């Protein structure tokens, strides 16, 4: 894992679990960093380390944290990595717990970053996510399971990219599609995460068929799955995702490459 990840113009690479590196607009962005090696993480078990470590990722401009309550989205080394970034965008409660440099965004609020490529700003829009079944018990803030947000990245001359976070709700995807038309690429947390003690073991993230349905609802031309391997509680893997997209007639949208390999965000 010593070889660095070369800078790209407009591409994403998945490192394992939910972690993705997105190069866009001259910026390097890491979503949900998890850099610990395999081993127990409380009531969860990590089964594989990342395809590239912190040194290989190198300096970043922004870290996106969909939620910090669960180690499969922000483990020990991932948390330390995020704290070294110039900016972390996450939900309001998560930002309070993480402290500097985290900035909290409620759903449908945005943050602008100047682009090194000279194209103006990159806008990061926080969007809602439901981390479990629609009928799951909600907390005082209206969250299922815990506070989770997704993100939409956009800017002049750039593809519009949706990063779902741990969302299991197609209704939420439909709302995002209505309010943010023209999403070009989607990084979808799939894998049908399940914890027997929560919500009768029902999925806490998109299962494979709902990932395909989300892709259809969004109308994205590029779909990159994440969050389907590296942890024991992910109940569906890449074969199930590929089959679901095939059965839905959407295989041409799916972009899968070995972890640590770049995938263009445009067709």
C-alpha atoms as a PDB file:
ATOM      1  CA  UNK A   1       0.000   0.000   0.000  1.00  0.00           C
ATOM      2  CA  UNK A   2       2.964   2.304  -0.368  1.00  0.00           C
ATOM      3  CA  UNK A   3       2.267   3.381  -3.940  1.00  0.00           C
ATOM      4  CA  UNK A   4       0.491   6.735  -4.024  1.00  0.00           C
ATOM      5  CA  UNK A   5      -2.804   7.322  -5.791  1.00  0.00           C
ATOM      6  CA  UNK A   6      -2.026   9.539  -8.761  1.00  0.00           C
ATOM      7  CA  UNK A   7      -4.138  12.652  -9.190  1.00  0.00           C
ATOM      8  CA  UNK A   8      -7.025  12.338 -11.644  1.00  0.00           C
ATOM      9  CA  UNK A   9      -9.084  14.898 -13.503  1.00  0.00           C
ATOM     10  CA  UNK A  10     -12.517  13.456 -12.720  1.00  0.00           C
ATOM     11  CA  UNK A  11     -12.586   9.955 -11.260  1.00  0.00           C
ATOM     12  CA  UNK A  12     -13.316   7.851  -8.175  1.00  0.00           C
ATOM     13  CA  UNK A  13     -11.648   4.856  -6.611  1.00  0.00           C
ATOM     14  CA  UNK A  14     -13.122   2.643  -3.909  1.00  0.00           C
ATOM     15  CA  UNK A  15     -10.690   1.517  -1.205  1.00  0.00           C
ATOM     16  CA  UNK A  16     -12.979  -1.005   0.489  1.00  0.00           C
ATOM     17  CA  UNK A  17     -15.973  -0.739   2.787  1.00  0.00           C
ATOM     18  CA  UNK A  18     -17.588   2.667   2.253  1.00  0.00           C
ATOM     19  CA  UNK A  19     -14.350   4.527   1.595  1.00  0.00           C
ATOM     20  CA  UNK A  20     -13.929   6.278  -1.738  1.00  0.00           C
ATOM     21  CA  UNK A  21     -11.463   8.828  -3.065  1.00  0.00           C
ATOM     22  CA  UNK A  22     -12.978  11.337  -5.480  1.00  0.00           C
ATOM     23  CA  UNK A  23     -10.810  13.625  -7.593  1.00  0.00           C
ATOM     24  CA  UNK A  24     -12.933  16.388  -9.091  1.00  0.00           C
ATOM     25  CA  UNK A  25     -12.383  20.042  -9.977  1.00  0.00           C
ATOM     26  CA  UNK A  26      -8.754  19.830  -8.895  1.00  0.00           C
ATOM     27  CA  UNK A  27      -9.828  18.715  -5.404  1.00  0.00           C
ATOM     28  CA  UNK A  28      -9.153  15.410  -3.667  1.00  0.00           C
ATOM     29  CA  UNK A  29     -12.099  14.276  -1.539  1.00  0.00           C
ATOM     30  CA  UNK A  30     -12.327  11.191   0.688  1.00  0.00           C
ATOM     31  CA  UNK A  31     -15.698   9.876   1.811  1.00  0.00           C
ATOM     32  CA  UNK A  32     -16.222   7.869   5.012  1.00  0.00           C
ATOM     33  CA  UNK A  33     -12.539   7.055   5.664  1.00  0.00           C
ATOM     34  CA  UNK A  34     -11.872   3.616   7.168  1.00  0.00           C
ATOM     35  CA  UNK A  35      -8.176   2.741   7.336  1.00  0.00           C
ATOM     36  CA  UNK A  36      -7.976   0.204  10.179  1.00  0.00           C
ATOM     37  CA  UNK A  37      -6.778  -3.297   9.449  1.00  0.00           C
ATOM     38  CA  UNK A  38      -9.117  -6.280   9.830  1.00  0.00           C
ATOM     39  CA  UNK A  39     -10.318  -7.089  13.318  1.00  0.00           C
ATOM     40  CA  UNK A  40     -13.154  -6.587  15.810  1.00  0.00           C
ATOM     41  CA  UNK A  41     -14.712  -3.134  16.099  1.00  0.00           C
ATOM     42  CA  UNK A  42     -17.100  -3.350  19.029  1.00  0.00           C
ATOM     43  CA  UNK A  43     -20.130  -5.383  17.966  1.00  0.00           C
ATOM     44  CA  UNK A  44     -18.971  -5.268  14.309  1.00  0.00           C
ATOM     45  CA  UNK A  45     -16.107  -7.125  12.648  1.00  0.00           C
ATOM     46  CA  UNK A  46     -13.898  -5.725   9.926  1.00  0.00           C
ATOM     47  CA  UNK A  47     -12.785  -8.525   7.581  1.00  0.00           C
ATOM     48  CA  UNK A  48     -10.315  -6.680   5.322  1.00  0.00           C
ATOM     49  CA  UNK A  49      -8.110  -3.609   5.423  1.00  0.00           C
ATOM     50  CA  UNK A  50      -8.150  -0.854   2.785  1.00  0.00           C
ATOM     51  CA  UNK A  51      -6.661  -1.167  -0.699  1.00  0.00           C
ATOM     52  CA  UNK A  52      -4.614   1.984  -0.044  1.00  0.00           C
ATOM     53  CA  UNK A  53      -3.542   3.552   3.227  1.00  0.00           C
ATOM     54  CA  UNK A  54      -3.409   7.155   4.388  1.00  0.00           C
ATOM     55  CA  UNK A  55       0.054   7.747   2.940  1.00  0.00           C
ATOM     56  CA  UNK A  56      -1.053   6.467  -0.463  1.00  0.00           C
ATOM     57  CA  UNK A  57      -4.064   8.785  -0.433  1.00  0.00           C
ATOM     58  CA  UNK A  58      -1.849  11.732   0.456  1.00  0.00           C
ATOM     59  CA  UNK A  59      -3.042  15.263   1.230  1.00  0.00           C
ATOM     60  CA  UNK A  60      -6.762  15.813   0.804  1.00  0.00           C
ATOM     61  CA  UNK A  61      -8.877  18.941   0.474  1.00  0.00           C
ATOM     62  CA  UNK A  62     -12.078  17.597   1.996  1.00  0.00           C
ATOM     63  CA  UNK A  63     -13.374  14.619   3.968  1.00  0.00           C
ATOM     64  CA  UNK A  64     -17.053  13.693   3.806  1.00  0.00           C
ATOM     65  CA  UNK A  65     -18.424  11.766   6.777  1.00  0.00           C
ATOM     66  CA  UNK A  66     -21.965  10.477   6.312  1.00  0.00           C
ATOM     67  CA  UNK A  67     -22.034   9.596  10.018  1.00  0.00           C
ATOM     68  CA  UNK A  68     -19.515   9.008  12.770  1.00  0.00           C
ATOM     69  CA  UNK A  69     -21.626   6.819  15.066  1.00  0.00           C
ATOM     70  CA  UNK A  70     -20.579   3.492  13.483  1.00  0.00           C
ATOM     71  CA  UNK A  71     -17.011   2.263  12.962  1.00  0.00           C
ATOM     72  CA  UNK A  72     -17.765   0.772   9.536  1.00  0.00           C
ATOM     73  CA  UNK A  73     -18.066   4.362   8.294  1.00  0.00           C
ATOM     74  CA  UNK A  74     -15.438   6.022  10.463  1.00  0.00           C
ATOM     75  CA  UNK A  75     -12.975   3.751  12.251  1.00  0.00           C
ATOM     76  CA  UNK A  76     -10.057   4.716  14.465  1.00  0.00           C
ATOM     77  CA  UNK A  77      -7.500   5.499  11.778  1.00  0.00           C
ATOM     78  CA  UNK A  78     -10.202   7.026   9.590  1.00  0.00           C
ATOM     79  CA  UNK A  79     -11.144   9.380  12.404  1.00  0.00           C
ATOM     80  CA  UNK A  80      -7.502  10.394  12.907  1.00  0.00           C
ATOM     81  CA  UNK A  81      -7.147  10.918   9.147  1.00  0.00           C
ATOM     82  CA  UNK A  82     -10.246  13.136   9.054  1.00  0.00           C
ATOM     83  CA  UNK A  83      -8.893  15.300  11.875  1.00  0.00           C
ATOM     84  CA  UNK A  84      -5.812  16.113   9.768  1.00  0.00           C
ATOM     85  CA  UNK A  85      -7.877  17.340   6.799  1.00  0.00           C
ATOM     86  CA  UNK A  86      -8.454  21.062   6.275  1.00  0.00           C
ATOM     87  CA  UNK A  87     -12.224  20.496   6.241  1.00  0.00           C
ATOM     88  CA  UNK A  88     -14.687  17.758   7.204  1.00  0.00           C
ATOM     89  CA  UNK A  89     -18.338  18.024   6.185  1.00  0.00           C
ATOM     90  CA  UNK A  90     -20.847  15.915   8.111  1.00  0.00           C
ATOM     91  CA  UNK A  91     -24.155  16.194   9.945  1.00  0.00           C
ATOM     92  CA  UNK A  92     -24.666  18.777  12.701  1.00  0.00           C
ATOM     93  CA  UNK A  93     -24.587  16.310  15.615  1.00  0.00           C
ATOM     94  CA  UNK A  94     -21.583  14.504  14.176  1.00  0.00           C
ATOM     95  CA  UNK A  95     -19.743  17.809  13.746  1.00  0.00           C
ATOM     96  CA  UNK A  96     -20.307  18.625  17.419  1.00  0.00           C
ATOM     97  CA  UNK A  97     -18.809  15.296  18.451  1.00  0.00           C
ATOM     98  CA  UNK A  98     -15.894  15.401  16.004  1.00  0.00           C
ATOM     99  CA  UNK A  99     -14.903  18.993  16.672  1.00  0.00           C
ATOM    100  CA  UNK A 100     -12.573  21.005  14.424  1.00  0.00           C
ATOM    101  CA  UNK A 101     -12.223  20.871  11.432  1.00  0.00           C
ATOM    102  CA  UNK A 102     -15.738  19.427  11.096  1.00  0.00           C
ATOM    103  CA  UNK A 103     -18.578  21.622   9.826  1.00  0.00           C
ATOM    104  CA  UNK A 104     -22.133  20.413  10.280  1.00  0.00           C
ATOM    105  CA  UNK A 105     -24.619  20.538   7.424  1.00  0.00           C
ATOM    106  CA  UNK A 106     -28.311  19.847   7.783  1.00  0.00           C
ATOM    107  CA  UNK A 107     -30.028  18.251   4.776  1.00  0.00           C
ATOM    108  CA  UNK A 108     -30.533  20.680   1.884  1.00  0.00           C
ATOM    109  CA  UNK A 109     -27.809  23.047   3.046  1.00  0.00           C
ATOM    110  CA  UNK A 110     -24.606  23.534   1.092  1.00  0.00           C
ATOM    111  CA  UNK A 111     -20.963  24.495   1.396  1.00  0.00           C
ATOM    112  CA  UNK A 112     -18.743  25.960  -1.339  1.00  0.00           C
ATOM    113  CA  UNK A 113     -15.055  25.250  -1.874  1.00  0.00           C
ATOM    114  CA  UNK A 114     -12.828  27.115  -4.348  1.00  0.00           C
ATOM    115  CA  UNK A 115     -11.546  24.818  -7.087  1.00  0.00           C
ATOM    116  CA  UNK A 116      -7.829  24.646  -7.825  1.00  0.00           C
ATOM    117  CA  UNK A 117      -8.641  24.022 -11.497  1.00  0.00           C
ATOM    118  CA  UNK A 118      -9.894  27.593 -11.857  1.00  0.00           C
ATOM    119  CA  UNK A 119     -13.471  26.603 -12.583  1.00  0.00           C
ATOM    120  CA  UNK A 120     -15.072  28.555  -9.779  1.00  0.00           C
ATOM    121  CA  UNK A 121     -16.474  26.722  -6.759  1.00  0.00           C
ATOM    122  CA  UNK A 122     -17.404  23.148  -5.975  1.00  0.00           C
ATOM    123  CA  UNK A 123     -20.734  23.030  -4.168  1.00  0.00           C
ATOM    124  CA  UNK A 124     -21.292  20.263  -1.622  1.00  0.00           C
ATOM    125  CA  UNK A 125     -24.978  19.865  -0.850  1.00  0.00           C
ATOM    126  CA  UNK A 126     -26.006  17.756   2.135  1.00  0.00           C
ATOM    127  CA  UNK A 127     -28.970  15.487   1.349  1.00  0.00           C
ATOM    128  CA  UNK A 128     -31.052  13.225   3.592  1.00  0.00           C
ATOM    129  CA  UNK A 129     -30.464   9.537   4.260  1.00  0.00           C
ATOM    130  CA  UNK A 130     -32.459   6.934   6.194  1.00  0.00           C
ATOM    131  CA  UNK A 131     -30.188   4.390   7.900  1.00  0.00           C
ATOM    132  CA  UNK A 132     -32.757   1.610   8.108  1.00  0.00           C
ATOM    133  CA  UNK A 133     -36.359   0.774   7.193  1.00  0.00           C
ATOM    134  CA  UNK A 134     -38.829   3.598   6.609  1.00  0.00           C
ATOM    135  CA  UNK A 135     -40.985   2.433   9.523  1.00  0.00           C
ATOM    136  CA  UNK A 136     -38.062   2.219  11.942  1.00  0.00           C
ATOM    137  CA  UNK A 137     -38.340   4.064  15.231  1.00  0.00           C
ATOM    138  CA  UNK A 138     -37.047   7.624  14.942  1.00  0.00           C
ATOM    139  CA  UNK A 139     -35.133   9.671  17.468  1.00  0.00           C
ATOM    140  CA  UNK A 140     -35.992  13.188  18.621  1.00  0.00           C
ATOM    141  CA  UNK A 141     -34.359  14.610  15.473  1.00  0.00           C
ATOM    142  CA  UNK A 142     -36.354  12.315  13.178  1.00  0.00           C
ATOM    143  CA  UNK A 143     -33.468   9.958  12.377  1.00  0.00           C
ATOM    144  CA  UNK A 144     -33.722   6.198  11.939  1.00  0.00           C
ATOM    145  CA  UNK A 145     -30.816   4.472  13.721  1.00  0.00           C
ATOM    146  CA  UNK A 146     -28.698   7.639  13.894  1.00  0.00           C
ATOM    147  CA  UNK A 147     -28.019  10.910  12.084  1.00  0.00           C
ATOM    148  CA  UNK A 148     -26.805  10.199   8.534  1.00  0.00           C
ATOM    149  CA  UNK A 149     -26.470  12.451   5.511  1.00  0.00           C
ATOM    150  CA  UNK A 150     -25.496  11.985   1.888  1.00  0.00           C
ATOM    151  CA  UNK A 151     -23.842  14.512  -0.390  1.00  0.00           C
ATOM    152  CA  UNK A 152     -24.205  15.932  -3.895  1.00  0.00           C
ATOM    153  CA  UNK A 153     -21.104  17.467  -5.507  1.00  0.00           C
ATOM    154  CA  UNK A 154     -21.560  19.916  -8.376  1.00  0.00           C
ATOM    155  CA  UNK A 155     -19.857  22.745 -10.205  1.00  0.00           C
ATOM    156  CA  UNK A 156     -19.617  24.445 -13.567  1.00  0.00           C
ATOM    157  CA  UNK A 157     -18.309  22.023 -16.174  1.00  0.00           C
ATOM    158  CA  UNK A 158     -18.298  19.105 -13.739  1.00  0.00           C
ATOM    159  CA  UNK A 159     -20.523  16.043 -13.492  1.00  0.00           C
ATOM    160  CA  UNK A 160     -23.017  16.152 -10.635  1.00  0.00           C
ATOM    161  CA  UNK A 161     -22.099  13.343  -8.237  1.00  0.00           C
ATOM    162  CA  UNK A 162     -24.327  11.840  -5.538  1.00  0.00           C
ATOM    163  CA  UNK A 163     -22.674  10.035  -2.598  1.00  0.00           C
ATOM    164  CA  UNK A 164     -25.470   8.247  -0.785  1.00  0.00           C
ATOM    165  CA  UNK A 165     -24.086   7.536   2.656  1.00  0.00           C
ATOM    166  CA  UNK A 166     -25.827   4.705   4.506  1.00  0.00           C
ATOM    167  CA  UNK A 167     -29.297   5.168   3.070  1.00  0.00           C
ATOM    168  CA  UNK A 168     -31.815   2.356   2.693  1.00  0.00           C
ATOM    169  CA  UNK A 169     -34.748   4.455   1.461  1.00  0.00           C
ATOM    170  CA  UNK A 170     -35.833   4.600  -2.173  1.00  0.00           C
ATOM    171  CA  UNK A 171     -38.357   7.280  -1.173  1.00  0.00           C
ATOM    172  CA  UNK A 172     -35.407   9.435  -0.070  1.00  0.00           C
ATOM    173  CA  UNK A 173     -33.579   8.774  -3.351  1.00  0.00           C
ATOM    174  CA  UNK A 174     -36.707   9.857  -5.239  1.00  0.00           C
ATOM    175  CA  UNK A 175     -36.860  13.086  -3.220  1.00  0.00           C
ATOM    176  CA  UNK A 176     -33.205  13.806  -3.993  1.00  0.00           C
ATOM    177  CA  UNK A 177     -33.787  13.142  -7.685  1.00  0.00           C
ATOM    178  CA  UNK A 178     -36.724  15.575  -7.726  1.00  0.00           C
ATOM    179  CA  UNK A 179     -34.898  18.330  -5.894  1.00  0.00           C
ATOM    180  CA  UNK A 180     -31.519  17.854  -7.613  1.00  0.00           C
ATOM    181  CA  UNK A 181     -32.261  16.916 -11.213  1.00  0.00           C
ATOM    182  CA  UNK A 182     -29.458  15.932 -13.528  1.00  0.00           C
ATOM    183  CA  UNK A 183     -27.327  13.684 -11.322  1.00  0.00           C
ATOM    184  CA  UNK A 184     -24.671  12.215 -13.609  1.00  0.00           C
ATOM    185  CA  UNK A 185     -22.884   9.765 -11.317  1.00  0.00           C
ATOM    186  CA  UNK A 186     -23.832   7.979  -8.105  1.00  0.00           C
ATOM    187  CA  UNK A 187     -21.617   6.393  -5.465  1.00  0.00           C
ATOM    188  CA  UNK A 188     -24.087   4.085  -3.727  1.00  0.00           C
ATOM    189  CA  UNK A 189     -23.582   2.441  -0.337  1.00  0.00           C
ATOM    190  CA  UNK A 190     -25.015  -0.999  -0.993  1.00  0.00           C
ATOM    191  CA  UNK A 191     -24.257  -4.340   0.686  1.00  0.00           C
ATOM    192  CA  UNK A 192     -27.552  -4.684   2.634  1.00  0.00           C
ATOM    193  CA  UNK A 193     -25.889  -4.129   6.015  1.00  0.00           C
ATOM    194  CA  UNK A 194     -27.762  -6.061   8.694  1.00  0.00           C
ATOM    195  CA  UNK A 195     -27.450  -6.227  12.483  1.00  0.00           C
ATOM    196  CA  UNK A 196     -29.812  -8.847  13.997  1.00  0.00           C
ATOM    197  CA  UNK A 197     -30.631  -6.700  17.023  1.00  0.00           C
ATOM    198  CA  UNK A 198     -31.741  -3.744  14.888  1.00  0.00           C
ATOM    199  CA  UNK A 199     -35.077  -3.526  13.059  1.00  0.00           C
ATOM    200  CA  UNK A 200     -35.586  -7.324  12.982  1.00  0.00           C
ATOM    201  CA  UNK A 201     -32.397  -7.689  10.953  1.00  0.00           C
ATOM    202  CA  UNK A 202     -33.784  -5.704   8.032  1.00  0.00           C
ATOM    203  CA  UNK A 203     -31.285  -3.870   5.795  1.00  0.00           C
ATOM    204  CA  UNK A 204     -29.674  -0.714   7.143  1.00  0.00           C
ATOM    205  CA  UNK A 205     -28.304   0.230   3.705  1.00  0.00           C
ATOM    206  CA  UNK A 206     -29.386  -0.412   0.138  1.00  0.00           C
ATOM    207  CA  UNK A 207     -29.675  -4.038  -0.850  1.00  0.00           C
ATOM    208  CA  UNK A 208     -28.733  -4.937  -4.407  1.00  0.00           C
ATOM    209  CA  UNK A 209     -32.204  -4.597  -5.930  1.00  0.00           C
ATOM    210  CA  UNK A 210     -32.805  -1.275  -4.245  1.00  0.00           C
ATOM    211  CA  UNK A 211     -29.394  -0.078  -5.443  1.00  0.00           C
ATOM    212  CA  UNK A 212     -30.493  -0.852  -9.001  1.00  0.00           C
ATOM    213  CA  UNK A 213     -33.818   0.884  -8.343  1.00  0.00           C
ATOM    214  CA  UNK A 214     -31.974   3.910  -6.965  1.00  0.00           C
ATOM    215  CA  UNK A 215     -29.852   4.071 -10.107  1.00  0.00           C
ATOM    216  CA  UNK A 216     -33.003   3.992 -12.253  1.00  0.00           C
ATOM    217  CA  UNK A 217     -34.707   6.708 -10.193  1.00  0.00           C
ATOM    218  CA  UNK A 218     -31.659   8.978 -10.302  1.00  0.00           C
ATOM    219  CA  UNK A 219     -31.099   8.545 -14.022  1.00  0.00           C
ATOM    220  CA  UNK A 220     -27.340   8.511 -13.435  1.00  0.00           C
ATOM    221  CA  UNK A 221     -25.123   7.353 -16.278  1.00  0.00           C
ATOM    222  CA  UNK A 222     -22.360   6.098 -13.965  1.00  0.00           C
ATOM    223  CA  UNK A 223     -22.992   4.061 -10.799  1.00  0.00           C
ATOM    224  CA  UNK A 224     -20.134   3.039  -8.513  1.00  0.00           C
ATOM    225  CA  UNK A 225     -21.052   0.691  -5.650  1.00  0.00           C
ATOM    226  CA  UNK A 226     -19.337   0.867  -2.261  1.00  0.00           C
ATOM    227  CA  UNK A 227     -20.007  -0.476   1.249  1.00  0.00           C
ATOM    228  CA  UNK A 228     -20.472  -4.080   0.099  1.00  0.00           C
ATOM    229  CA  UNK A 229     -17.310  -5.762   1.391  1.00  0.00           C
ATOM    230  CA  UNK A 230     -14.762  -5.569   4.176  1.00  0.00           C
ATOM    231  CA  UNK A 231     -17.241  -5.984   7.050  1.00  0.00           C
ATOM    232  CA  UNK A 232     -18.997  -9.125   8.298  1.00  0.00           C
ATOM    233  CA  UNK A 233     -22.428  -7.487   8.628  1.00  0.00           C
ATOM    234  CA  UNK A 234     -22.647  -6.647   4.917  1.00  0.00           C
ATOM    235  CA  UNK A 235     -25.005  -9.394   3.736  1.00  0.00           C
ATOM    236  CA  UNK A 236     -24.734  -8.892  -0.052  1.00  0.00           C
ATOM    237  CA  UNK A 237     -21.605  -8.529  -2.134  1.00  0.00           C
ATOM    238  CA  UNK A 238     -20.566  -7.652  -5.640  1.00  0.00           C
ATOM    239  CA  UNK A 239     -22.090 -10.767  -7.298  1.00  0.00           C
ATOM    240  CA  UNK A 240     -25.538  -9.860  -5.941  1.00  0.00           C
ATOM    241  CA  UNK A 241     -25.129  -6.234  -7.037  1.00  0.00           C
ATOM    242  CA  UNK A 242     -24.080  -7.218 -10.549  1.00  0.00           C
ATOM    243  CA  UNK A 243     -26.984  -9.687 -10.808  1.00  0.00           C
ATOM    244  CA  UNK A 244     -29.524  -7.099  -9.670  1.00  0.00           C
ATOM    245  CA  UNK A 245     -28.315  -4.560 -12.237  1.00  0.00           C
ATOM    246  CA  UNK A 246     -28.333  -7.256 -14.923  1.00  0.00           C
ATOM    247  CA  UNK A 247     -31.895  -8.290 -14.081  1.00  0.00           C
ATOM    248  CA  UNK A 248     -32.978  -4.651 -14.133  1.00  0.00           C
ATOM    249  CA  UNK A 249     -31.331  -4.102 -17.527  1.00  0.00           C
ATOM    250  CA  UNK A 250     -28.956  -1.542 -16.036  1.00  0.00           C
ATOM    251  CA  UNK A 251     -25.600  -3.305 -16.276  1.00  0.00           C
ATOM    252  CA  UNK A 252     -24.285  -0.633 -18.628  1.00  0.00           C
ATOM    253  CA  UNK A 253     -24.477   1.902 -15.778  1.00  0.00           C
ATOM    254  CA  UNK A 254     -22.464  -0.121 -13.288  1.00  0.00           C
ATOM    255  CA  UNK A 255     -18.772   0.707 -12.965  1.00  0.00           C
ATOM    256  CA  UNK A 256     -16.802  -1.820 -10.948  1.00  0.00           C
ATOM    257  CA  UNK A 257     -13.016  -2.061 -10.759  1.00  0.00           C
ATOM    258  CA  UNK A 258     -10.564  -3.631  -8.310  1.00  0.00           C
ATOM    259  CA  UNK A 259     -10.263  -1.559  -5.170  1.00  0.00           C
ATOM    260  CA  UNK A 260      -7.661   1.150  -5.581  1.00  0.00           C
ATOM    261  CA  UNK A 261      -8.311   1.402  -9.343  1.00  0.00           C
ATOM    262  CA  UNK A 262      -9.697   4.634 -10.787  1.00  0.00           C
ATOM    263  CA  UNK A 263     -13.100   4.769 -12.455  1.00  0.00           C
ATOM    264  CA  UNK A 264     -14.075   7.813 -14.578  1.00  0.00           C
ATOM    265  CA  UNK A 265     -17.081   9.749 -13.302  1.00  0.00           C
ATOM    266  CA  UNK A 266     -18.223  10.439 -16.856  1.00  0.00           C
ATOM    267  CA  UNK A 267     -19.060   8.042 -19.666  1.00  0.00           C
END
